[in-house]
PDB file of N, CA and C in Angstrom:
ATOM      1  N   MET A   1     -10.031  -5.700  -8.908  1.00  0.00           N
ATOM      2  CA  MET A   1      -9.461  -6.861  -8.239  1.00  0.00           C
ATOM      3  C   MET A   1      -8.987  -7.835  -9.298  1.00  0.00           C
ATOM      4  N   ALA A   2      -7.802  -8.292  -9.130  1.00  0.00           N
ATOM      5  CA  ALA A   2      -7.208  -9.216 -10.086  1.00  0.00           C
ATOM      6  C   ALA A   2      -7.604 -10.656  -9.761  1.00  0.00           C
ATOM      7  N   ILE A   3      -7.481 -11.500 -10.749  1.00  0.00           N
ATOM      8  CA  ILE A   3      -7.728 -12.937 -10.563  1.00  0.00           C
ATOM      9  C   ILE A   3      -6.855 -13.465  -9.422  1.00  0.00           C
ATOM     10  N   GLN A   4      -5.629 -12.979  -9.331  1.00  0.00           N
ATOM     11  CA  GLN A   4      -4.721 -13.436  -8.279  1.00  0.00           C
ATOM     12  C   GLN A   4      -5.321 -13.208  -6.886  1.00  0.00           C
ATOM     13  N   GLN A   5      -6.004 -12.116  -6.696  1.00  0.00           N
ATOM     14  CA  GLN A   5      -6.616 -11.839  -5.404  1.00  0.00           C
ATOM     15  C   GLN A   5      -7.800 -12.767  -5.144  1.00  0.00           C
ATOM     16  N   LEU A   6      -8.553 -13.115  -6.179  1.00  0.00           N
ATOM     17  CA  LEU A   6      -9.627 -14.096  -6.012  1.00  0.00           C
ATOM     18  C   LEU A   6      -9.047 -15.445  -5.607  1.00  0.00           C
ATOM     19  N   LYS A   7      -7.903 -15.789  -6.179  1.00  0.00           N
ATOM     20  CA  LYS A   7      -7.248 -17.048  -5.815  1.00  0.00           C
ATOM     21  C   LYS A   7      -6.863 -17.049  -4.339  1.00  0.00           C
ATOM     22  N   LEU A   8      -6.400 -15.915  -3.839  1.00  0.00           N
ATOM     23  CA  LEU A   8      -6.078 -15.812  -2.416  1.00  0.00           C
ATOM     24  C   LEU A   8      -7.329 -16.004  -1.565  1.00  0.00           C
ATOM     25  N   LEU A   9      -8.434 -15.400  -1.969  1.00  0.00           N
ATOM     26  CA  LEU A   9      -9.681 -15.563  -1.233  1.00  0.00           C
ATOM     27  C   LEU A   9     -10.131 -17.024  -1.235  1.00  0.00           C
ATOM     28  N   ILE A  10     -10.009 -17.681  -2.373  1.00  0.00           N
ATOM     29  CA  ILE A  10     -10.396 -19.088  -2.470  1.00  0.00           C
ATOM     30  C   ILE A  10      -9.494 -19.938  -1.580  1.00  0.00           C
ATOM     31  N   ASN A  11      -8.223 -19.667  -1.591  1.00  0.00           N
ATOM     32  CA  ASN A  11      -7.307 -20.422  -0.743  1.00  0.00           C
ATOM     33  C   ASN A  11      -7.651 -20.234   0.733  1.00  0.00           C
ATOM     34  N   LEU A  12      -7.980 -19.023   1.113  1.00  0.00           N
ATOM     35  CA  LEU A  12      -8.381 -18.773   2.501  1.00  0.00           C
ATOM     36  C   LEU A  12      -9.641 -19.566   2.835  1.00  0.00           C
ATOM     37  N   ALA A  13     -10.599 -19.583   1.927  1.00  0.00           N
ATOM     38  CA  ALA A  13     -11.838 -20.326   2.163  1.00  0.00           C
ATOM     39  C   ALA A  13     -11.574 -21.815   2.327  1.00  0.00           C
ATOM     40  N   ARG A  14     -10.539 -22.331   1.700  1.00  0.00           N
ATOM     41  CA  ARG A  14     -10.212 -23.765   1.759  1.00  0.00           C
ATOM     42  C   ARG A  14      -9.457 -24.172   3.027  1.00  0.00           C
ATOM     43  N   ILE A  15      -8.943 -23.222   3.770  1.00  0.00           N
ATOM     44  CA  ILE A  15      -8.075 -23.533   4.909  1.00  0.00           C
ATOM     45  C   ILE A  15      -8.730 -24.480   5.902  1.00  0.00           C
ATOM     46  N   ASP A  16     -10.016 -24.311   6.155  1.00  0.00           N
ATOM     47  CA  ASP A  16     -10.681 -25.146   7.161  1.00  0.00           C
ATOM     48  C   ASP A  16     -11.162 -26.485   6.605  1.00  0.00           C
ATOM     49  N   GLY A  17     -10.830 -26.776   5.361  1.00  0.00           N
ATOM     50  CA  GLY A  17     -11.161 -28.069   4.789  1.00  0.00           C
ATOM     51  C   GLY A  17     -12.421 -28.107   3.941  1.00  0.00           C
ATOM     52  N   GLU A  18     -13.226 -27.069   4.016  1.00  0.00           N
ATOM     53  CA  GLU A  18     -14.416 -27.023   3.164  1.00  0.00           C
ATOM     54  C   GLU A  18     -14.760 -25.579   2.810  1.00  0.00           C
ATOM     55  N   VAL A  19     -15.232 -25.419   1.597  1.00  0.00           N
ATOM     56  CA  VAL A  19     -15.690 -24.109   1.141  1.00  0.00           C
ATOM     57  C   VAL A  19     -17.210 -24.164   1.167  1.00  0.00           C
ATOM     58  N   VAL A  20     -17.799 -23.391   2.066  1.00  0.00           N
ATOM     59  CA  VAL A  20     -19.258 -23.406   2.207  1.00  0.00           C
ATOM     60  C   VAL A  20     -19.905 -22.479   1.186  1.00  0.00           C
ATOM     61  N   GLU A  21     -21.189 -22.678   0.983  1.00  0.00           N
ATOM     62  CA  GLU A  21     -21.934 -21.925  -0.029  1.00  0.00           C
ATOM     63  C   GLU A  21     -21.841 -20.416   0.184  1.00  0.00           C
ATOM     64  N   LYS A  22     -21.880 -19.958   1.432  1.00  0.00           N
ATOM     65  CA  LYS A  22     -21.774 -18.521   1.709  1.00  0.00           C
ATOM     66  C   LYS A  22     -20.436 -17.972   1.223  1.00  0.00           C
ATOM     67  N   GLU A  23     -19.366 -18.753   1.400  1.00  0.00           N
ATOM     68  CA  GLU A  23     -18.043 -18.317   0.946  1.00  0.00           C
ATOM     69  C   GLU A  23     -17.992 -18.253  -0.575  1.00  0.00           C
ATOM     70  N   ILE A  24     -18.568 -19.249  -1.224  1.00  0.00           N
ATOM     71  CA  ILE A  24     -18.599 -19.262  -2.693  1.00  0.00           C
ATOM     72  C   ILE A  24     -19.350 -18.039  -3.219  1.00  0.00           C
ATOM     73  N   LYS A  25     -20.507 -17.748  -2.636  1.00  0.00           N
ATOM     74  CA  LYS A  25     -21.293 -16.596  -3.075  1.00  0.00           C
ATOM     75  C   LYS A  25     -20.536 -15.288  -2.852  1.00  0.00           C
ATOM     76  N   TYR A  26     -19.895 -15.173  -1.691  1.00  0.00           N
ATOM     77  CA  TYR A  26     -19.141 -13.960  -1.367  1.00  0.00           C
ATOM     78  C   TYR A  26     -18.028 -13.736  -2.387  1.00  0.00           C
ATOM     79  N   ILE A  27     -17.248 -14.765  -2.644  1.00  0.00           N
ATOM     80  CA  ILE A  27     -16.128 -14.648  -3.585  1.00  0.00           C
ATOM     81  C   ILE A  27     -16.646 -14.387  -4.999  1.00  0.00           C
ATOM     82  N   THR A  28     -17.696 -15.087  -5.379  1.00  0.00           N
ATOM     83  CA  THR A  28     -18.286 -14.896  -6.706  1.00  0.00           C
ATOM     84  C   THR A  28     -18.779 -13.464  -6.881  1.00  0.00           C
ATOM     85  N   ASN A  29     -19.461 -12.939  -5.886  1.00  0.00           N
ATOM     86  CA  ASN A  29     -19.958 -11.559  -5.967  1.00  0.00           C
ATOM     87  C   ASN A  29     -18.828 -10.551  -6.091  1.00  0.00           C
ATOM     88  N   ILE A  30     -17.723 -10.775  -5.387  1.00  0.00           N
ATOM     89  CA  ILE A  30     -16.565  -9.881  -5.497  1.00  0.00           C
ATOM     90  C   ILE A  30     -16.010  -9.922  -6.920  1.00  0.00           C
ATOM     91  N   GLY A  31     -15.861 -11.128  -7.457  1.00  0.00           N
ATOM     92  CA  GLY A  31     -15.362 -11.267  -8.825  1.00  0.00           C
ATOM     93  C   GLY A  31     -16.267 -10.585  -9.837  1.00  0.00           C
ATOM     94  N   LEU A  32     -17.570 -10.825  -9.726  1.00  0.00           N
ATOM     95  CA  LEU A  32     -18.523 -10.210 -10.655  1.00  0.00           C
ATOM     96  C   LEU A  32     -18.504  -8.692 -10.547  1.00  0.00           C
ATOM     97  N   ALA A  33     -18.423  -8.181  -9.319  1.00  0.00           N
ATOM     98  CA  ALA A  33     -18.393  -6.728  -9.117  1.00  0.00           C
ATOM     99  C   ALA A  33     -17.150  -6.094  -9.733  1.00  0.00           C
ATOM    100  N   ASN A  34     -16.131  -6.904  -9.944  1.00  0.00           N
ATOM    101  CA  ASN A  34     -14.889  -6.409 -10.527  1.00  0.00           C
ATOM    102  C   ASN A  34     -14.730  -6.805 -11.990  1.00  0.00           C
ATOM    103  N   GLY A  35     -15.844  -7.211 -12.609  1.00  0.00           N
ATOM    104  CA  GLY A  35     -15.850  -7.460 -14.047  1.00  0.00           C
ATOM    105  C   GLY A  35     -15.259  -8.782 -14.488  1.00  0.00           C
ATOM    106  N   ILE A  36     -15.105  -9.719 -13.575  1.00  0.00           N
ATOM    107  CA  ILE A  36     -14.565 -11.033 -13.943  1.00  0.00           C
ATOM    108  C   ILE A  36     -15.739 -11.925 -14.335  1.00  0.00           C
ATOM    109  N   PRO A  37     -15.678 -12.539 -15.518  1.00  0.00           N
ATOM    110  CA  PRO A  37     -16.793 -13.378 -15.978  1.00  0.00           C
ATOM    111  C   PRO A  37     -17.048 -14.559 -15.032  1.00  0.00           C
ATOM    112  N   ILE A  38     -18.312 -14.924 -14.883  1.00  0.00           N
ATOM    113  CA  ILE A  38     -18.703 -16.002 -13.977  1.00  0.00           C
ATOM    114  C   ILE A  38     -17.991 -17.314 -14.305  1.00  0.00           C
ATOM    115  N   ALA A  39     -17.807 -17.597 -15.583  1.00  0.00           N
ATOM    116  CA  ALA A  39     -17.125 -18.840 -15.975  1.00  0.00           C
ATOM    117  C   ALA A  39     -15.686 -18.861 -15.453  1.00  0.00           C
ATOM    118  N   ASP A  40     -15.014 -17.717 -15.502  1.00  0.00           N
ATOM    119  CA  ASP A  40     -13.643 -17.627 -14.999  1.00  0.00           C
ATOM    120  C   ASP A  40     -13.610 -17.804 -13.485  1.00  0.00           C
ATOM    121  N   ILE A  41     -14.583 -17.217 -12.815  1.00  0.00           N
ATOM    122  CA  ILE A  41     -14.649 -17.327 -11.353  1.00  0.00           C
ATOM    123  C   ILE A  41     -14.902 -18.777 -10.953  1.00  0.00           C
ATOM    124  N   ASN A  42     -15.905 -19.391 -11.564  1.00  0.00           N
ATOM    125  CA  ASN A  42     -16.262 -20.768 -11.225  1.00  0.00           C
ATOM    126  C   ASN A  42     -15.096 -21.731 -11.440  1.00  0.00           C
ATOM    127  N   SER A  43     -14.343 -21.529 -12.499  1.00  0.00           N
ATOM    128  CA  SER A  43     -13.224 -22.439 -12.777  1.00  0.00           C
ATOM    129  C   SER A  43     -12.139 -22.342 -11.709  1.00  0.00           C
ATOM    130  N   LEU A  44     -12.029 -21.198 -11.054  1.00  0.00           N
ATOM    131  CA  LEU A  44     -11.006 -21.037 -10.009  1.00  0.00           C
ATOM    132  C   LEU A  44     -11.257 -21.950  -8.814  1.00  0.00           C
ATOM    133  N   PHE A  45     -12.517 -22.266  -8.540  1.00  0.00           N
ATOM    134  CA  PHE A  45     -12.844 -23.105  -7.389  1.00  0.00           C
ATOM    135  C   PHE A  45     -12.393 -24.555  -7.574  1.00  0.00           C
ATOM    136  N   SER A  46     -12.202 -24.986  -8.808  1.00  0.00           N
ATOM    137  CA  SER A  46     -11.799 -26.375  -9.054  1.00  0.00           C
ATOM    138  C   SER A  46     -10.301 -26.511  -9.322  1.00  0.00           C
ATOM    139  N   GLN A  47      -9.567 -25.428  -9.190  1.00  0.00           N
ATOM    140  CA  GLN A  47      -8.126 -25.443  -9.453  1.00  0.00           C
ATOM    141  C   GLN A  47      -7.332 -25.292  -8.161  1.00  0.00           C
ATOM    142  N   THR A  48      -6.099 -25.760  -8.210  1.00  0.00           N
ATOM    143  CA  THR A  48      -5.149 -25.529  -7.125  1.00  0.00           C
ATOM    144  C   THR A  48      -4.310 -24.330  -7.523  1.00  0.00           C
ATOM    145  N   HIS A  49      -4.016 -23.467  -6.556  1.00  0.00           N
ATOM    146  CA  HIS A  49      -3.329 -22.223  -6.873  1.00  0.00           C
ATOM    147  C   HIS A  49      -2.021 -22.093  -6.099  1.00  0.00           C
ATOM    148  N   ASP A  50      -0.947 -21.803  -6.823  1.00  0.00           N
ATOM    149  CA  ASP A  50       0.285 -21.358  -6.198  1.00  0.00           C
ATOM    150  C   ASP A  50       0.124 -19.859  -6.036  1.00  0.00           C
ATOM    151  N   LEU A  51       0.214 -19.408  -4.813  1.00  0.00           N
ATOM    152  CA  LEU A  51      -0.172 -18.026  -4.555  1.00  0.00           C
ATOM    153  C   LEU A  51       0.964 -17.181  -4.015  1.00  0.00           C
ATOM    154  N   VAL A  52       0.949 -15.959  -4.456  1.00  0.00           N
ATOM    155  CA  VAL A  52       1.827 -14.932  -3.888  1.00  0.00           C
ATOM    156  C   VAL A  52       0.988 -13.682  -3.709  1.00  0.00           C
ATOM    157  N   VAL A  53       1.364 -12.888  -2.757  1.00  0.00           N
ATOM    158  CA  VAL A  53       0.693 -11.607  -2.566  1.00  0.00           C
ATOM    159  C   VAL A  53       1.163 -10.688  -3.677  1.00  0.00           C
ATOM    160  N   THR A  54       0.214 -10.100  -4.380  1.00  0.00           N
ATOM    161  CA  THR A  54       0.593  -9.240  -5.488  1.00  0.00           C
ATOM    162  C   THR A  54       1.316  -8.002  -4.981  1.00  0.00           C
ATOM    163  N   ALA A  55       2.433  -7.718  -5.585  1.00  0.00           N
ATOM    164  CA  ALA A  55       3.266  -6.597  -5.165  1.00  0.00           C
ATOM    165  C   ALA A  55       2.750  -5.265  -5.699  1.00  0.00           C
ATOM    166  N   ASP A  56       1.830  -5.319  -6.647  1.00  0.00           N
ATOM    167  CA  ASP A  56       1.376  -4.077  -7.281  1.00  0.00           C
ATOM    168  C   ASP A  56       0.205  -3.399  -6.565  1.00  0.00           C
ATOM    169  N   MET A  57      -0.164  -3.869  -5.373  1.00  0.00           N
ATOM    170  CA  MET A  57      -1.251  -3.230  -4.629  1.00  0.00           C
ATOM    171  C   MET A  57      -0.716  -2.026  -3.858  1.00  0.00           C
ATOM    172  N   ASN A  58      -1.429  -0.907  -3.951  1.00  0.00           N
ATOM    173  CA  ASN A  58      -1.054   0.240  -3.132  1.00  0.00           C
ATOM    174  C   ASN A  58      -1.656   0.055  -1.735  1.00  0.00           C
ATOM    175  N   GLU A  59      -1.413   0.996  -0.841  1.00  0.00           N
ATOM    176  CA  GLU A  59      -1.878   0.872   0.544  1.00  0.00           C
ATOM    177  C   GLU A  59      -3.398   0.714   0.630  1.00  0.00           C
ATOM    178  N   GLN A  60      -4.145   1.510  -0.128  1.00  0.00           N
ATOM    179  CA  GLN A  60      -5.608   1.439  -0.090  1.00  0.00           C
ATOM    180  C   GLN A  60      -6.107   0.105  -0.629  1.00  0.00           C
ATOM    181  N   GLU A  61      -5.530  -0.358  -1.725  1.00  0.00           N
ATOM    182  CA  GLU A  61      -5.932  -1.641  -2.297  1.00  0.00           C
ATOM    183  C   GLU A  61      -5.638  -2.784  -1.324  1.00  0.00           C
ATOM    184  N   ARG A  62      -4.474  -2.738  -0.677  1.00  0.00           N
ATOM    185  CA  ARG A  62      -4.109  -3.767   0.299  1.00  0.00           C
ATOM    186  C   ARG A  62      -5.097  -3.735   1.470  1.00  0.00           C
ATOM    187  N   PHE A  63      -5.447  -2.543   1.964  1.00  0.00           N
ATOM    188  CA  PHE A  63      -6.414  -2.417   3.049  1.00  0.00           C
ATOM    189  C   PHE A  63      -7.769  -3.003   2.639  1.00  0.00           C
ATOM    190  N   ASP A  64      -8.255  -2.627   1.460  1.00  0.00           N
ATOM    191  CA  ASP A  64      -9.539  -3.128   0.969  1.00  0.00           C
ATOM    192  C   ASP A  64      -9.523  -4.652   0.844  1.00  0.00           C
ATOM    193  N   PHE A  65      -8.396  -5.179   0.366  1.00  0.00           N
ATOM    194  CA  PHE A  65      -8.285  -6.625   0.197  1.00  0.00           C
ATOM    195  C   PHE A  65      -8.257  -7.325   1.554  1.00  0.00           C
ATOM    196  N   ILE A  66      -7.534  -6.782   2.508  1.00  0.00           N
ATOM    197  CA  ILE A  66      -7.481  -7.378   3.845  1.00  0.00           C
ATOM    198  C   ILE A  66      -8.873  -7.353   4.474  1.00  0.00           C
ATOM    199  N   LEU A  67      -9.614  -6.283   4.252  1.00  0.00           N
ATOM    200  CA  LEU A  67     -10.982  -6.210   4.750  1.00  0.00           C
ATOM    201  C   LEU A  67     -11.825  -7.341   4.158  1.00  0.00           C
ATOM    202  N   LYS A  68     -11.672  -7.608   2.874  1.00  0.00           N
ATOM    203  CA  LYS A  68     -12.394  -8.709   2.237  1.00  0.00           C
ATOM    204  C   LYS A  68     -11.986 -10.047   2.847  1.00  0.00           C
ATOM    205  N   LEU A  69     -10.699 -10.216   3.136  1.00  0.00           N
ATOM    206  CA  LEU A  69     -10.234 -11.445   3.762  1.00  0.00           C
ATOM    207  C   LEU A  69     -10.872 -11.647   5.135  1.00  0.00           C
ATOM    208  N   VAL A  70     -10.911 -10.589   5.919  1.00  0.00           N
ATOM    209  CA  VAL A  70     -11.497 -10.678   7.262  1.00  0.00           C
ATOM    210  C   VAL A  70     -12.987 -10.988   7.163  1.00  0.00           C
ATOM    211  N   GLN A  71     -13.686 -10.341   6.249  1.00  0.00           N
ATOM    212  CA  GLN A  71     -15.115 -10.619   6.074  1.00  0.00           C
ATOM    213  C   GLN A  71     -15.331 -12.074   5.666  1.00  0.00           C
ATOM    214  N   LEU A  72     -14.469 -12.590   4.804  1.00  0.00           N
ATOM    215  CA  LEU A  72     -14.567 -13.981   4.385  1.00  0.00           C
ATOM    216  C   LEU A  72     -14.333 -14.918   5.567  1.00  0.00           C
ATOM    217  N   MET A  73     -13.377 -14.597   6.418  1.00  0.00           N
ATOM    218  CA  MET A  73     -13.104 -15.448   7.583  1.00  0.00           C
ATOM    219  C   MET A  73     -14.323 -15.524   8.493  1.00  0.00           C
ATOM    220  N   LYS A  74     -15.091 -14.465   8.567  1.00  0.00           N
ATOM    221  CA  LYS A  74     -16.236 -14.408   9.478  1.00  0.00           C
ATOM    222  C   LYS A  74     -17.489 -15.074   8.914  1.00  0.00           C
ATOM    223  N   ILE A  75     -17.524 -15.337   7.621  1.00  0.00           N
ATOM    224  CA  ILE A  75     -18.741 -15.841   6.984  1.00  0.00           C
ATOM    225  C   ILE A  75     -19.216 -17.160   7.580  1.00  0.00           C
ATOM    226  N   ASP A  76     -18.303 -18.106   7.805  1.00  0.00           N
ATOM    227  CA  ASP A  76     -18.741 -19.411   8.301  1.00  0.00           C
ATOM    228  C   ASP A  76     -18.843 -19.449   9.827  1.00  0.00           C
ATOM    229  N   GLU A  77     -18.666 -18.297  10.452  1.00  0.00           N
ATOM    230  CA  GLU A  77     -18.807 -18.126  11.897  1.00  0.00           C
ATOM    231  C   GLU A  77     -17.842 -18.992  12.705  1.00  0.00           C
ATOM    232  N   ARG A  78     -16.740 -19.366  12.085  1.00  0.00           N
ATOM    233  CA  ARG A  78     -15.667 -20.097  12.763  1.00  0.00           C
ATOM    234  C   ARG A  78     -14.361 -19.419  12.380  1.00  0.00           C
ATOM    235  N   LEU A  79     -13.454 -19.361  13.306  1.00  0.00           N
ATOM    236  CA  LEU A  79     -12.171 -18.733  13.043  1.00  0.00           C
ATOM    237  C   LEU A  79     -11.069 -19.732  13.365  1.00  0.00           C
ATOM    238  N   TYR A  80     -10.175 -19.941  12.436  1.00  0.00           N
ATOM    239  CA  TYR A  80      -9.099 -20.910  12.591  1.00  0.00           C
ATOM    240  C   TYR A  80      -7.762 -20.195  12.662  1.00  0.00           C
ATOM    241  N   GLN A  81      -6.849 -20.768  13.432  1.00  0.00           N
ATOM    242  CA  GLN A  81      -5.511 -20.204  13.568  1.00  0.00           C
ATOM    243  C   GLN A  81      -4.836 -20.071  12.203  1.00  0.00           C
ATOM    244  N   GLU A  82      -5.063 -21.040  11.336  1.00  0.00           N
ATOM    245  CA  GLU A  82      -4.464 -21.015   9.998  1.00  0.00           C
ATOM    246  C   GLU A  82      -4.956 -19.809   9.192  1.00  0.00           C
ATOM    247  N   GLU A  83      -6.222 -19.448   9.378  1.00  0.00           N
ATOM    248  CA  GLU A  83      -6.767 -18.282   8.686  1.00  0.00           C
ATOM    249  C   GLU A  83      -6.098 -17.005   9.180  1.00  0.00           C
ATOM    250  N   ILE A  84      -5.901 -16.914  10.470  1.00  0.00           N
ATOM    251  CA  ILE A  84      -5.243 -15.739  11.043  1.00  0.00           C
ATOM    252  C   ILE A  84      -3.815 -15.638  10.530  1.00  0.00           C
ATOM    253  N   GLN A  85      -3.105 -16.746  10.488  1.00  0.00           N
ATOM    254  CA  GLN A  85      -1.729 -16.747   9.987  1.00  0.00           C
ATOM    255  C   GLN A  85      -1.686 -16.353   8.516  1.00  0.00           C
ATOM    256  N   PHE A  86      -2.614 -16.855   7.731  1.00  0.00           N
ATOM    257  CA  PHE A  86      -2.710 -16.526   6.312  1.00  0.00           C
ATOM    258  C   PHE A  86      -2.867 -15.021   6.133  1.00  0.00           C
ATOM    259  N   CYS A  87      -3.807 -14.428   6.850  1.00  0.00           N
ATOM    260  CA  CYS A  87      -4.048 -12.986   6.744  1.00  0.00           C
ATOM    261  C   CYS A  87      -2.859 -12.181   7.253  1.00  0.00           C
ATOM    262  N   SER A  88      -2.226 -12.681   8.285  1.00  0.00           N
ATOM    263  CA  SER A  88      -1.051 -12.010   8.812  1.00  0.00           C
ATOM    264  C   SER A  88       0.059 -11.926   7.769  1.00  0.00           C
ATOM    265  N   LYS A  89       0.254 -13.003   7.036  1.00  0.00           N
ATOM    266  CA  LYS A  89       1.277 -13.007   5.978  1.00  0.00           C
ATOM    267  C   LYS A  89       0.955 -11.999   4.898  1.00  0.00           C
ATOM    268  N   ILE A  90      -0.317 -11.885   4.567  1.00  0.00           N
ATOM    269  CA  ILE A  90      -0.716 -10.939   3.528  1.00  0.00           C
ATOM    270  C   ILE A  90      -0.493  -9.507   3.977  1.00  0.00           C
ATOM    271  N   THR A  91      -0.751  -9.221   5.239  1.00  0.00           N
ATOM    272  CA  THR A  91      -0.602  -7.845   5.713  1.00  0.00           C
ATOM    273  C   THR A  91       0.844  -7.379   5.646  1.00  0.00           C
ATOM    274  N   VAL A  92       1.778  -8.299   5.783  1.00  0.00           N
ATOM    275  CA  VAL A  92       3.197  -7.907   5.716  1.00  0.00           C
ATOM    276  C   VAL A  92       3.788  -8.164   4.334  1.00  0.00           C
ATOM    277  N   GLY A  93       2.961  -8.679   3.414  1.00  0.00           N
ATOM    278  CA  GLY A  93       3.407  -8.860   2.038  1.00  0.00           C
ATOM    279  C   GLY A  93       4.281 -10.068   1.819  1.00  0.00           C
ATOM    280  N   GLU A  94       4.173 -11.092   2.678  1.00  0.00           N
ATOM    281  CA  GLU A  94       4.960 -12.296   2.481  1.00  0.00           C
ATOM    282  C   GLU A  94       4.409 -13.087   1.299  1.00  0.00           C
ATOM    283  N   HIS A  95       5.306 -13.835   0.666  1.00  0.00           N
ATOM    284  CA  HIS A  95       4.859 -14.755  -0.383  1.00  0.00           C
ATOM    285  C   HIS A  95       4.294 -15.977   0.281  1.00  0.00           C
ATOM    286  N   LEU A  96       3.229 -16.504  -0.288  1.00  0.00           N
ATOM    287  CA  LEU A  96       2.570 -17.679   0.249  1.00  0.00           C
ATOM    288  C   LEU A  96       2.870 -18.878  -0.645  1.00  0.00           C
ATOM    289  N   ALA A  97       3.045 -20.017  -0.031  1.00  0.00           N
ATOM    290  CA  ALA A  97       3.293 -21.236  -0.820  1.00  0.00           C
ATOM    291  C   ALA A  97       2.014 -22.021  -0.961  1.00  0.00           C
TER     292      ALA A  97
END
């Protein structure tokens, strides 16, 4: 998983106005499992990201990433229309602003 994908996860977590501890742990664990140093992961939470869906993902990688997005949406036990729209854009490969 690339840093760019972690940025997408962080942006999704921010959609509802707050990033809860469960979301931070989930994203951090994904980054660590993919060999990204904790310092790099932590710094992403304090930055603003201009995001685009990475074009270099194959079908399996895109599926795995969408699964992570859906799991992240469910963590805080609330679902927002903005989150659904965000994930919808990713599934069709749209660029996000």
